C-alpha cells in the first residue's frame, strides 16, 4: 500500500477536502489490513462492570451534581443529523411497490409482507399519531378528506401527503422535526422535548441552559429556524437557552477504495469520499470545549410528563462522574509531585481505586511493575476523559452492549461494543456476545476537562483500529467504505468508563414510525 500513487488532480481534491495525502494513504492501509474484531473477555453484568444505583445512592449523588449544574458546568450534546427515511422505510416501500389500496395492504400483510404489516398498523392507528391533525389539514388543502380516504380504503393520498414533497415531505425531513408527541395546545418534536427536558438538569443558577445539536448541511437552516420559533413559544420564562449548531466536517469524510484497496474514482475520474459515520462527531464534541457534557440521541425522548425519572437518573450519573473526577484529581496530584516518592501503600490505594471504579483490570506486567513504573502507568490511566454510561436491561433492541474487552498487554477494560465489532467466525466470542444482559441506549455523561481545567484532546483517546469497513456501490461498481470509530465505542475506547444500570422505561427510541404507538409516546 506504500506504493499507492496519487495524481496531481487527486492531491488537489484531497486538499479541497481538508485532508493530506498522507492521511488518505493511512486510511487506504486500513482497507488493506482490515479491522481486527474486539476480543470479548466476558459480558458486563451487575456487580461485574455495571453499577446499580439504589435510591440512597441517587439521593447522595444528586446534590453533588446540582452544585456543578448551578455553576454552569453542564451542557447537552445531541446528534440530530440525517433524514427520516429509515423511520418511514416500510411506508415508502408501499409507495414504491404501488401497494397503497388498504384492502390490498391487508391481503399482503396476511401473506407475510412485513412492509404491509407495518403499513396496516400505521393506517389502523393513524388517529393516534401526533401529526394526525397536521396531515389532515394538509390533505384538506389538496382537496382530500382524511377520514374519507380511510373509509374508502385509499391509502395513496395519505402516504403521499405524509411522505412526499406533495405533502408534508416527512421522509425528507430530519427526524428532529417530526411531530412525536401530542399536547393540548400543540404537538412537540424531538427538538422541543430536548429543550424542555434540558431545563431539568442543565439550567444553571443564572437560568442559562446550553445545548448543542449536530445537523446535516441540507437541514441546518430549517432546524435553526425551527429552534428560534420553539424558544419563542416555550413557557420557561426563567430560562435563557444557548443553542448552538455544527455540521460534520468534510475533512472527516473517508476515502472509498476499490476491490484492490486502491483509491476509488467515479465515472468522472474524481476520488470518492464518504461521510465517516457518527464517529466523525468526535471533532464536534471536541470543538465545544465543554466541561460536563450529556450525550443523548435525538429520537430518545418522551413526553414531558415522563421527563422526571430520566432527569433523576441523569443527575445521579452526573454526580457519580464528578465524585470520581475529584478522586482522580487527588490521585493525579499525588502522582505528579516531582521529587517526592510515592509509597507502596499509596500506589496500592490508587491501583485499587482504578480497578474498582474505572472499569479496568491491570495486566500481570502492570501489577508486578516497579513503583516508578506503576507511578508512570497510573498517571497515564488517570489522565483521560471520563464517562458514565447508562445501560438498560437487554430487551432485544438493536445496538451495542457493555463488555469486558481484552487489551494487547493482557489486561482488560469495559467498553461499549457494537455488533459489527464481534468476531462472527468464533463460536466462543459469539457465545459471549449473546450472553449480554444489558445494552447501550446512548445515555452518557462525559467529563471532558483535566485537573487543570483544560479540555482533553479527544482524538488522542480514540482507537483507530475499531473503524468499520462496509461494501457499497457507485456507478454500478462495488466500492469499500470506511466508517470512523463510532462516537461511543471506538472513539471513546481509551476513556475511563463507568457503566450504571438505568431503568429501561427511560429508553424510548423511535426507529420506525410505529414506535410512536408505544405507551411512553402515544400516552
Protein backbone atom coordinates (compact mmCIF):
# COMPACT_ATOMS: atom_id res chain seq x y z
CA UNK A 1 0.00 0.00 0.00
CA UNK A 2 3.01 2.28 0.37
CA UNK A 3 3.24 2.19 -3.46
CA UNK A 4 -0.15 3.87 -3.93
CA UNK A 5 0.29 6.91 -6.12
CA UNK A 6 -1.98 9.91 -6.19
CA UNK A 7 -2.22 12.09 -9.26
CA UNK A 8 -1.85 15.88 -9.01
CA UNK A 9 -5.62 16.12 -9.51
CA UNK A 10 -6.16 13.60 -6.68
CA UNK A 11 -3.96 15.68 -4.40
CA UNK A 12 -5.82 18.88 -5.29
CA UNK A 13 -9.13 17.17 -4.47
CA UNK A 14 -7.71 15.85 -1.20
CA UNK A 15 -6.56 19.35 -0.26
CA UNK A 16 -10.02 20.74 -1.06
CA UNK A 17 -11.39 18.11 1.30
CA UNK A 18 -9.21 19.48 4.08
CA UNK A 19 -7.03 16.37 4.19
CA UNK A 20 -3.43 15.48 3.49
CA UNK A 21 -2.27 12.82 1.01
CA UNK A 22 -0.61 11.01 3.90
CA UNK A 23 -3.90 10.82 5.83
CA UNK A 24 -5.62 9.34 2.78
CA UNK A 25 -2.87 6.76 2.38
CA UNK A 26 -3.22 5.83 6.06
CA UNK A 27 -6.94 5.21 5.52
CA UNK A 28 -6.17 3.04 2.49
CA UNK A 29 -3.84 0.98 4.70
CA UNK A 30 -6.83 0.24 6.95
CA UNK A 31 -8.69 -1.25 3.97
CA UNK A 32 -5.73 -3.46 3.15
CA UNK A 33 -5.12 -4.53 6.74
CA UNK A 34 -8.74 -4.97 7.74
CA UNK A 35 -10.20 -4.20 11.14
CA UNK A 36 -9.41 -6.61 13.98
CA UNK A 37 -12.53 -7.67 15.91
CA UNK A 38 -12.95 -6.83 19.56
CA UNK A 39 -11.64 -9.53 21.89
CA UNK A 40 -14.50 -10.04 24.29
CA UNK A 41 -13.45 -11.37 27.70
CA UNK A 42 -16.98 -11.52 29.14
CA UNK A 43 -20.20 -9.55 29.19
CA UNK A 44 -20.57 -6.85 31.81
CA UNK A 45 -23.19 -7.68 34.42
CA UNK A 46 -24.47 -6.06 37.60
CA UNK A 47 -21.60 -6.14 40.09
CA UNK A 48 -19.10 -7.02 37.36
CA UNK A 49 -18.70 -3.91 35.23
CA UNK A 50 -22.16 -2.42 35.81
CA UNK A 51 -23.03 -0.41 38.92
CA UNK A 52 -26.54 -0.34 40.41
CA UNK A 53 -27.79 2.98 41.76
CA UNK A 54 -30.24 2.45 44.60
CA UNK A 55 -32.45 5.22 45.96
CA UNK A 56 -29.97 6.16 48.71
CA UNK A 57 -27.09 6.37 46.26
CA UNK A 58 -29.14 8.57 43.93
CA UNK A 59 -30.06 10.79 46.86
CA UNK A 60 -26.38 11.12 47.84
CA UNK A 61 -25.12 11.86 44.34
CA UNK A 62 -27.76 14.36 43.24
CA UNK A 63 -26.57 17.32 45.40
CA UNK A 64 -23.03 16.83 44.07
CA UNK A 65 -24.33 17.28 40.54
CA UNK A 66 -26.74 20.09 41.47
CA UNK A 67 -23.84 22.19 42.71
CA UNK A 68 -21.91 21.75 39.45
CA UNK A 69 -25.07 22.38 37.41
CA UNK A 70 -25.74 25.62 39.27
CA UNK A 71 -22.20 26.75 38.41
CA UNK A 72 -22.93 26.39 34.69
CA UNK A 73 -20.62 23.42 34.11
CA UNK A 74 -23.18 21.28 32.26
CA UNK A 75 -24.35 21.17 28.66
CA UNK A 76 -26.11 18.75 26.35
CA UNK A 77 -24.83 17.36 23.01
CA UNK A 78 -27.39 15.86 20.63
CA UNK A 79 -26.53 14.25 17.28
CA UNK A 80 -29.51 15.38 15.18
CA UNK A 81 -28.27 14.74 11.66
CA UNK A 82 -29.95 12.88 8.86
CA UNK A 83 -33.31 12.43 7.19
CA UNK A 84 -36.21 10.37 8.47
CA UNK A 85 -36.31 7.99 5.51
CA UNK A 86 -35.38 4.97 7.68
CA UNK A 87 -38.17 5.80 10.08
CA UNK A 88 -40.67 5.59 7.21
CA UNK A 89 -38.92 2.78 5.30
CA UNK A 90 -41.93 0.42 5.23
CA UNK A 91 -44.36 3.14 4.17
CA UNK A 92 -42.01 4.28 1.42
CA UNK A 93 -41.77 0.67 0.22
CA UNK A 94 -45.56 0.53 -0.16
CA UNK A 95 -45.45 3.62 -2.37
CA UNK A 96 -42.58 2.21 -4.42
CA UNK A 97 -44.41 -1.11 -4.92
CA UNK A 98 -47.67 0.72 -5.68
CA UNK A 99 -49.25 -1.19 -2.80
CA UNK A 100 -51.44 1.62 -1.48
CA UNK A 101 -55.01 0.29 -1.54
CA UNK A 102 -55.86 -0.53 2.06
CA UNK A 103 -57.66 -3.82 1.12
CA UNK A 104 -54.56 -4.84 -0.88
CA UNK A 105 -52.30 -3.91 2.04
CA UNK A 106 -54.41 -6.15 4.31
CA UNK A 107 -54.07 -9.08 1.90
CA UNK A 108 -50.32 -8.60 1.58
CA UNK A 109 -49.99 -8.37 5.38
CA UNK A 110 -51.89 -11.65 5.77
CA UNK A 111 -49.41 -13.20 3.33
CA UNK A 112 -46.46 -12.18 5.50
CA UNK A 113 -45.34 -9.00 3.72
CA UNK A 114 -43.53 -7.14 6.54
CA UNK A 115 -43.87 -3.72 4.93
CA UNK A 116 -47.60 -4.31 4.53
CA UNK A 117 -47.87 -5.44 8.15
CA UNK A 118 -46.21 -2.23 9.30
CA UNK A 119 -48.33 -0.16 6.93
CA UNK A 120 -51.53 -1.74 8.18
CA UNK A 121 -50.62 -0.98 11.80
CA UNK A 122 -49.84 2.60 10.79
CA UNK A 123 -53.07 3.22 8.89
CA UNK A 124 -55.22 1.49 11.50
CA UNK A 125 -53.82 3.75 14.23
CA UNK A 126 -53.38 6.94 12.25
CA UNK A 127 -55.53 8.96 14.64
CA UNK A 128 -53.11 8.21 17.49
CA UNK A 129 -50.11 9.93 15.90
CA UNK A 130 -49.24 13.47 16.94
CA UNK A 131 -49.04 14.56 13.30
CA UNK A 132 -52.60 13.40 12.53
CA UNK A 133 -54.12 16.90 12.61
CA UNK A 134 -51.28 18.38 10.58
CA UNK A 135 -51.70 15.66 7.95
CA UNK A 136 -55.48 16.08 7.90
CA UNK A 137 -55.12 19.81 7.31
CA UNK A 138 -52.53 19.32 4.57
CA UNK A 139 -54.77 16.83 2.76
CA UNK A 140 -57.68 19.24 3.06
CA UNK A 141 -55.60 21.89 1.30
CA UNK A 142 -55.17 19.41 -1.55
CA UNK A 143 -58.91 18.73 -1.66
CA UNK A 144 -58.78 15.38 0.13
CA UNK A 145 -60.64 14.30 3.27
CA UNK A 146 -58.50 12.11 5.51
CA UNK A 147 -61.47 10.33 7.06
CA UNK A 148 -62.95 9.61 3.63
CA UNK A 149 -59.62 8.23 2.37
CA UNK A 150 -59.54 5.75 5.25
CA UNK A 151 -63.21 4.79 4.88
CA UNK A 152 -62.82 4.24 1.15
CA UNK A 153 -59.56 2.30 1.50
CA UNK A 154 -57.49 4.85 -0.42
CA UNK A 155 -54.04 4.82 1.13
CA UNK A 156 -52.10 6.59 -1.60
CA UNK A 157 -53.27 10.16 -0.82
CA UNK A 158 -52.42 9.56 2.85
CA UNK A 159 -48.94 8.16 2.18
CA UNK A 160 -48.10 10.79 -0.42
CA UNK A 161 -49.49 13.54 1.81
CA UNK A 162 -47.28 12.43 4.68
CA UNK A 163 -44.07 11.37 2.95
CA UNK A 164 -43.57 13.27 -0.30
CA UNK A 165 -42.97 16.86 -1.31
CA UNK A 166 -46.58 16.90 -2.50
CA UNK A 167 -47.47 16.98 1.19
CA UNK A 168 -45.58 17.21 4.50
CA UNK A 169 -42.43 15.65 2.99
CA UNK A 170 -41.73 13.79 6.24
CA UNK A 171 -39.44 11.23 4.59
CA UNK A 172 -37.03 14.03 3.68
CA UNK A 173 -37.25 15.95 6.95
CA UNK A 174 -34.70 15.41 9.72
CA UNK A 175 -36.11 13.23 12.47
CA UNK A 176 -35.63 16.19 14.81
CA UNK A 177 -38.58 17.98 13.14
CA UNK A 178 -41.14 15.15 13.05
CA UNK A 179 -44.12 15.67 15.37
CA UNK A 180 -43.68 12.98 18.04
CA UNK A 181 -45.98 13.88 20.94
CA UNK A 182 -49.43 15.45 21.20
CA UNK A 183 -50.14 18.15 23.80
CA UNK A 184 -53.37 20.11 24.42
CA UNK A 185 -52.06 23.25 22.72
CA UNK A 186 -49.71 21.81 20.05
CA UNK A 187 -47.58 18.85 19.11
CA UNK A 188 -43.92 18.59 20.02
CA UNK A 189 -40.96 17.37 18.01
CA UNK A 190 -37.83 15.70 19.44
CA UNK A 191 -36.16 19.12 19.34
CA UNK A 192 -38.89 20.53 21.54
CA UNK A 193 -38.58 17.68 24.03
CA UNK A 194 -34.80 18.01 24.24
CA UNK A 195 -35.12 21.71 25.02
CA UNK A 196 -37.76 21.21 27.69
CA UNK A 197 -36.00 18.24 29.29
CA UNK A 198 -32.68 20.10 29.44
CA UNK A 199 -34.21 22.68 31.78
CA UNK A 200 -34.47 19.96 34.43
CA UNK A 201 -30.78 19.01 34.53
CA UNK A 202 -28.76 21.60 32.59
CA UNK A 203 -30.05 25.04 33.67
CA UNK A 204 -27.66 26.90 35.98
CA UNK A 205 -28.32 29.35 38.79
CA UNK A 206 -28.41 32.24 36.30
CA UNK A 207 -31.17 30.49 34.35
CA UNK A 208 -28.87 29.65 31.43
CA UNK A 209 -29.23 26.35 29.60
CA UNK A 210 -26.68 25.17 26.99
CA UNK A 211 -27.46 22.69 24.21
CA UNK A 212 -25.61 21.77 21.03
CA UNK A 213 -27.09 19.95 18.03
CA UNK A 214 -25.12 18.47 15.16
CA UNK A 215 -27.10 18.80 11.93
CA UNK A 216 -26.79 17.99 8.25
CA UNK A 217 -25.94 20.89 5.90
CA UNK A 218 -29.19 20.48 3.98
CA UNK A 219 -31.22 20.71 7.18
CA UNK A 220 -29.30 23.34 9.12
CA UNK A 221 -31.27 26.42 8.07
CA UNK A 222 -34.60 24.72 8.68
CA UNK A 223 -33.61 23.38 12.09
CA UNK A 224 -32.16 26.70 13.23
CA UNK A 225 -35.34 28.49 12.15
CA UNK A 226 -37.46 25.93 13.99
CA UNK A 227 -35.45 26.29 17.19
CA UNK A 228 -35.81 30.07 17.13
CA UNK A 229 -39.59 29.70 16.88
CA UNK A 230 -39.65 26.95 19.53
CA UNK A 231 -37.77 29.14 22.00
CA UNK A 232 -40.33 31.89 21.47
CA UNK A 233 -43.18 29.57 22.41
CA UNK A 234 -41.61 27.76 25.38
CA UNK A 235 -43.23 28.64 28.68
CA UNK A 236 -39.89 28.59 30.52
CA UNK A 237 -39.63 32.33 31.16
CA UNK A 238 -36.87 31.82 33.75
CA UNK A 239 -34.60 30.09 31.23
CA UNK A 240 -32.20 31.62 28.70
CA UNK A 241 -31.35 28.94 26.18
CA UNK A 242 -27.97 28.99 24.47
CA UNK A 243 -28.43 26.68 21.50
CA UNK A 244 -25.57 26.11 19.06
CA UNK A 245 -25.23 24.01 15.94
CA UNK A 246 -22.48 22.37 13.95
CA UNK A 247 -22.15 20.09 10.95
CA UNK A 248 -20.00 17.06 10.33
CA UNK A 249 -16.76 18.39 8.88
CA UNK A 250 -15.94 17.48 5.26
CA UNK A 251 -12.42 16.74 6.45
CA UNK A 252 -13.80 13.78 8.42
CA UNK A 253 -15.15 12.13 5.26
CA UNK A 254 -13.22 8.98 4.39
CA UNK A 255 -11.74 7.81 1.11
CA UNK A 256 -13.50 4.97 -0.73
CA UNK A 257 -11.42 2.09 -2.07
CA UNK A 258 -11.81 -0.39 -4.91
CA UNK A 259 -11.53 -4.16 -4.57
CA UNK A 260 -7.72 -3.87 -4.69
CA UNK A 261 -7.72 -1.30 -1.88
CA UNK A 262 -6.71 1.48 -4.24
CA UNK A 263 -8.42 4.88 -4.29
CA UNK A 264 -11.85 4.58 -5.92
CA UNK A 265 -12.58 7.01 -8.75
CA UNK A 266 -16.07 7.72 -10.08
CA UNK A 267 -17.01 7.81 -13.76
CA UNK A 268 -15.67 11.35 -13.99
CA UNK A 269 -12.30 10.35 -12.61
CA UNK A 270 -12.78 12.02 -9.24
CA UNK A 271 -11.93 10.44 -5.92
CA UNK A 272 -14.96 9.35 -3.92
CA UNK A 273 -15.21 10.41 -0.28
CA UNK A 274 -18.00 9.26 2.00
CA UNK A 275 -19.29 10.51 5.38
CA UNK A 276 -17.30 8.95 8.21
CA UNK A 277 -20.31 7.97 10.35
CA UNK A 278 -21.18 9.28 13.81
CA UNK A 279 -17.59 8.82 14.92
CA UNK A 280 -16.80 11.93 12.88
CA UNK A 281 -18.72 13.92 15.51
CA UNK A 282 -15.87 13.44 17.98
CA UNK A 283 -14.36 16.60 16.49
CA UNK A 284 -17.63 18.48 17.00
CA UNK A 285 -17.65 17.34 20.63
CA UNK A 286 -14.04 18.48 20.96
CA UNK A 287 -14.81 21.90 19.49
CA UNK A 288 -17.43 22.55 22.18
CA UNK A 289 -14.66 22.79 24.80
CA UNK A 290 -17.30 21.55 27.24
CA UNK A 291 -16.87 20.51 30.84
CA UNK A 292 -19.68 18.13 31.85
CA UNK A 293 -21.48 17.14 28.66
CA UNK A 294 -24.53 14.89 28.39
CA UNK A 295 -24.79 12.89 25.18
CA UNK A 296 -28.14 11.56 24.02
CA UNK A 297 -29.64 10.65 20.63
CA UNK A 298 -32.26 12.87 19.01
CA UNK A 299 -35.01 10.22 18.94
CA UNK A 300 -34.74 9.05 22.57
CA UNK A 301 -37.33 11.41 24.04
CA UNK A 302 -40.60 11.08 25.92
CA UNK A 303 -43.47 13.49 26.65
CA UNK A 304 -42.91 15.97 29.45
CA UNK A 305 -44.99 14.04 31.99
CA UNK A 306 -42.37 11.26 31.83
CA UNK A 307 -39.27 13.51 31.98
CA UNK A 308 -38.73 13.39 35.73
CA UNK A 309 -37.40 9.84 36.04
CA UNK A 310 -34.81 10.43 33.32
CA UNK A 311 -33.74 13.70 34.92
CA UNK A 312 -33.40 11.94 38.29
CA UNK A 313 -31.02 9.32 36.90
CA UNK A 314 -29.01 11.76 34.78
CA UNK A 315 -28.37 13.95 37.80
CA UNK A 316 -27.16 10.88 39.70
CA UNK A 317 -24.91 9.89 36.79
CA UNK A 318 -23.52 13.43 36.75
CA UNK A 319 -22.94 13.30 40.49
CA UNK A 320 -21.10 9.99 40.16
CA UNK A 321 -18.90 11.43 37.41
CA UNK A 322 -17.99 14.50 39.49
CA UNK A 323 -17.32 12.37 42.57
CA UNK A 324 -14.95 10.15 40.59
CA UNK A 325 -13.30 13.17 38.95
CA UNK A 326 -12.47 14.62 42.36
CA UNK A 327 -10.83 11.37 43.46
CA UNK A 328 -8.95 11.07 40.15
CA UNK A 329 -7.59 14.61 40.51
CA UNK A 330 -6.44 13.96 44.08
CA UNK A 331 -4.57 10.82 42.98
CA UNK A 332 -3.03 12.63 40.00
CA UNK A 333 -1.82 15.42 42.25
CA UNK A 334 -0.02 12.80 44.35
CA UNK A 335 1.47 11.06 41.31
CA UNK A 336 2.59 14.26 39.59
CA UNK A 337 4.51 15.73 42.53
CA UNK A 338 8.13 15.93 41.43
CA UNK A 339 10.92 14.81 43.68
CA UNK A 340 8.61 13.17 46.18
CA UNK A 341 8.42 9.35 46.20
CA UNK A 342 5.03 7.70 46.34
CA UNK A 343 4.73 5.00 48.99
CA UNK A 344 3.79 1.43 48.16
CA UNK A 345 0.68 1.85 50.31
CA UNK A 346 -0.41 4.89 48.31
CA UNK A 347 0.27 3.12 45.00
CA UNK A 348 -1.77 0.16 46.24
CA UNK A 349 -4.61 2.53 47.15
CA UNK A 350 -4.54 4.12 43.69
CA UNK A 351 -4.42 0.71 41.99
CA UNK A 352 -7.44 -0.40 43.98
CA UNK A 353 -9.30 2.79 43.04
CA UNK A 354 -8.60 2.25 39.32
CA UNK A 355 -9.65 -1.40 39.26
CA UNK A 356 -12.70 -0.92 41.47
CA UNK A 357 -14.09 2.29 39.99
CA UNK A 358 -12.80 2.89 36.47
CA UNK A 359 -13.58 -0.31 34.60
CA UNK A 360 -10.00 -1.53 34.27
CA UNK A 361 -8.25 -4.81 35.05
CA UNK A 362 -4.48 -4.38 35.10
CA UNK A 363 -2.22 -6.70 33.17
CA UNK A 364 0.09 -9.08 35.07
CA UNK A 365 3.00 -6.90 33.98
CA UNK A 366 1.44 -3.76 35.40
CA UNK A 367 0.65 -5.46 38.72
CA UNK A 368 4.23 -6.70 39.07
CA UNK A 369 5.90 -3.48 37.91
CA UNK A 370 8.30 -1.39 39.98
CA UNK A 371 6.99 1.53 41.99
CA UNK A 372 8.24 4.04 39.40
CA UNK A 373 6.72 2.06 36.54
CA UNK A 374 3.40 1.91 38.39
CA UNK A 375 3.56 5.63 39.04
CA UNK A 376 4.03 6.35 35.33
CA UNK A 377 1.36 3.85 34.28
CA UNK A 378 -1.22 5.09 36.78
CA UNK A 379 -0.69 8.70 35.68
CA UNK A 380 -1.44 7.65 32.11
CA UNK A 381 -4.53 5.71 33.16
CA UNK A 382 -5.94 8.54 35.25
CA UNK A 383 -5.19 11.39 32.84
CA UNK A 384 -8.06 10.59 30.49
CA UNK A 385 -11.56 11.82 29.71
CA UNK A 386 -14.16 10.19 31.93
CA UNK A 387 -17.65 9.00 31.05
CA UNK A 388 -20.54 7.47 32.96
CA UNK A 389 -22.79 5.48 30.63
CA UNK A 390 -26.32 4.38 31.37
CA UNK A 391 -27.07 0.76 30.46
CA UNK A 392 -30.51 -0.82 30.25
CA UNK A 393 -31.53 -4.45 30.57
CA UNK A 394 -31.46 -6.26 27.27
CA UNK A 395 -34.93 -6.13 25.71
CA UNK A 396 -33.91 -7.21 22.22
CA UNK A 397 -33.39 -3.66 20.93
CA UNK A 398 -30.69 -3.20 18.27
CA UNK A 399 -27.44 -1.61 19.40
CA UNK A 400 -24.15 -2.25 21.12
CA UNK A 401 -23.61 -3.52 24.62
CA UNK A 402 -21.22 -3.38 27.60
CA UNK A 403 -18.39 -5.91 27.65
CA UNK A 404 -15.05 -6.53 29.27
CA UNK A 405 -12.58 -6.40 26.36
CA UNK A 406 -9.06 -7.81 26.45
CA UNK A 407 -6.19 -5.38 25.87
CA UNK A 408 -2.96 -6.05 23.98
CA UNK A 409 -0.96 -6.18 27.21
CA UNK A 410 -3.09 -8.83 28.92
CA UNK A 411 -5.33 -6.54 30.91
CA UNK A 412 -8.93 -5.66 30.11
CA UNK A 413 -11.30 -2.71 30.23
CA UNK A 414 -15.02 -2.12 29.98
CA UNK A 415 -16.13 -0.99 26.53
CA UNK A 416 -19.27 -0.39 24.51
CA UNK A 417 -19.02 -2.88 21.66
CA UNK A 418 -21.18 -2.77 18.54
CA UNK A 419 -22.26 -5.98 16.82
CA UNK A 420 -20.08 -5.08 13.81
CA UNK A 421 -17.05 -5.48 16.11
CA UNK A 422 -17.88 -9.07 17.12
CA UNK A 423 -15.78 -11.91 15.71
CA UNK A 424 -18.61 -13.78 13.98
CA UNK A 425 -16.20 -16.57 12.98
CA UNK A 426 -15.60 -17.55 16.62
CA UNK A 427 -18.24 -19.61 18.44
CA UNK A 428 -16.67 -18.71 21.78
CA UNK A 429 -16.78 -14.99 21.04
CA UNK A 430 -20.37 -15.14 19.81
CA UNK A 431 -21.42 -17.02 22.95
CA UNK A 432 -20.05 -14.12 25.00
CA UNK A 433 -21.79 -11.63 22.73
CA UNK A 434 -25.11 -13.45 23.11
CA UNK A 435 -24.75 -13.61 26.90
CA UNK A 436 -25.05 -9.84 27.28
CA UNK A 437 -27.60 -8.85 29.92
CA UNK A 438 -27.59 -5.13 29.05
CA UNK A 439 -27.27 -2.90 26.02
CA UNK A 440 -26.26 0.66 25.23
CA UNK A 441 -29.08 3.24 24.93
CA UNK A 442 -26.61 6.12 24.32
CA UNK A 443 -27.35 7.97 27.54
CA UNK A 444 -23.92 9.21 28.58
CA UNK A 445 -22.38 11.99 30.68
CA UNK A 446 -18.83 12.97 29.81
CA UNK A 447 -16.12 14.73 31.81
CA UNK A 448 -14.00 16.46 29.18
CA UNK A 449 -11.51 18.53 31.21
CA UNK A 450 -8.39 17.59 33.12
CA UNK A 451 -7.50 18.58 36.67
CA UNK A 452 -6.11 21.90 35.42
CA UNK A 453 -9.46 22.66 33.80
CA UNK A 454 -8.05 22.22 30.29
CA UNK A 455 -10.04 20.39 27.61
CA UNK A 456 -8.66 17.00 26.68
CA UNK A 457 -7.66 16.46 23.04
CA UNK A 458 -10.22 13.74 22.41
CA UNK A 459 -8.60 12.36 19.25
CA UNK A 460 -5.70 11.18 21.42
CA UNK A 461 -8.02 8.69 23.14
CA UNK A 462 -9.55 7.10 20.03
CA UNK A 463 -8.78 3.56 18.81
CA UNK A 464 -8.27 3.80 15.02
CA UNK A 465 -8.41 0.00 14.72
CA UNK A 466 -12.09 0.00 15.65
CA UNK A 467 -13.15 1.58 12.37
CA UNK A 468 -15.68 -0.30 10.26
CA UNK A 469 -15.45 -1.35 6.60
CA UNK A 470 -18.58 -1.98 4.53
CA UNK A 471 -19.26 -2.70 0.86
CA UNK A 472 -21.27 -0.17 -1.16
CA UNK A 473 -21.72 0.63 -4.83
CA UNK A 474 -21.42 3.67 -7.06
CA UNK A 475 -21.91 4.00 -10.81
CA UNK A 476 -22.60 0.28 -10.92
CA UNK A 477 -19.22 -0.56 -9.36
CA UNK A 478 -18.52 -2.07 -5.97
CA UNK A 479 -16.54 0.02 -3.51
CA UNK A 480 -15.32 -0.28 0.05
CA UNK A 481 -16.45 2.37 2.52
CA UNK A 482 -14.74 3.23 5.80
CA UNK A 483 -16.62 4.44 8.87
CA UNK A 484 -14.56 6.09 11.58
CA UNK A 485 -14.55 4.52 15.06
CA UNK A 486 -18.05 5.02 16.46
CA UNK A 487 -18.59 8.00 18.73
CA UNK A 488 -19.41 5.94 21.84
CA UNK A 489 -17.35 2.82 21.10
CA UNK A 490 -14.03 3.18 19.27
CA UNK A 491 -13.84 6.97 19.57
CA UNK A 492 -14.01 6.66 23.36
CA UNK A 493 -12.04 3.42 23.65
CA UNK A 494 -9.28 4.89 25.82
CA UNK A 495 -11.52 6.91 28.13
CA UNK A 496 -12.11 5.92 31.73
CA UNK A 497 -15.55 4.35 31.68
CA UNK A 498 -18.20 3.55 34.26
CA UNK A 499 -21.41 1.69 33.41
CA UNK A 500 -24.52 2.18 35.55
CA UNK A 501 -27.88 0.48 35.20
CA UNK A 502 -30.75 2.83 34.35
CA UNK A 503 -34.44 1.89 34.05
CA UNK A 504 -35.49 0.64 30.64
CA UNK A 505 -38.52 2.94 30.96
CA UNK A 506 -36.34 5.99 30.24
CA UNK A 507 -35.10 4.50 26.96
CA UNK A 508 -37.72 5.12 24.30
CA UNK A 509 -36.11 5.46 20.87
CA UNK A 510 -38.12 5.93 17.70
CA UNK A 511 -36.53 3.89 14.92
CA UNK A 512 -39.75 3.30 12.95
CA UNK A 513 -42.87 5.42 12.81
CA UNK A 514 -44.88 2.74 14.61
CA UNK A 515 -42.59 3.08 17.64
CA UNK A 516 -44.59 6.25 18.30
CA UNK A 517 -47.52 4.00 19.21
CA UNK A 518 -45.69 2.69 22.28
CA UNK A 519 -47.19 3.79 25.62
CA UNK A 520 -44.43 6.27 26.50
CA UNK A 521 -45.02 8.13 23.23
CA UNK A 522 -48.72 7.76 22.46
CA UNK A 523 -49.72 8.15 26.13
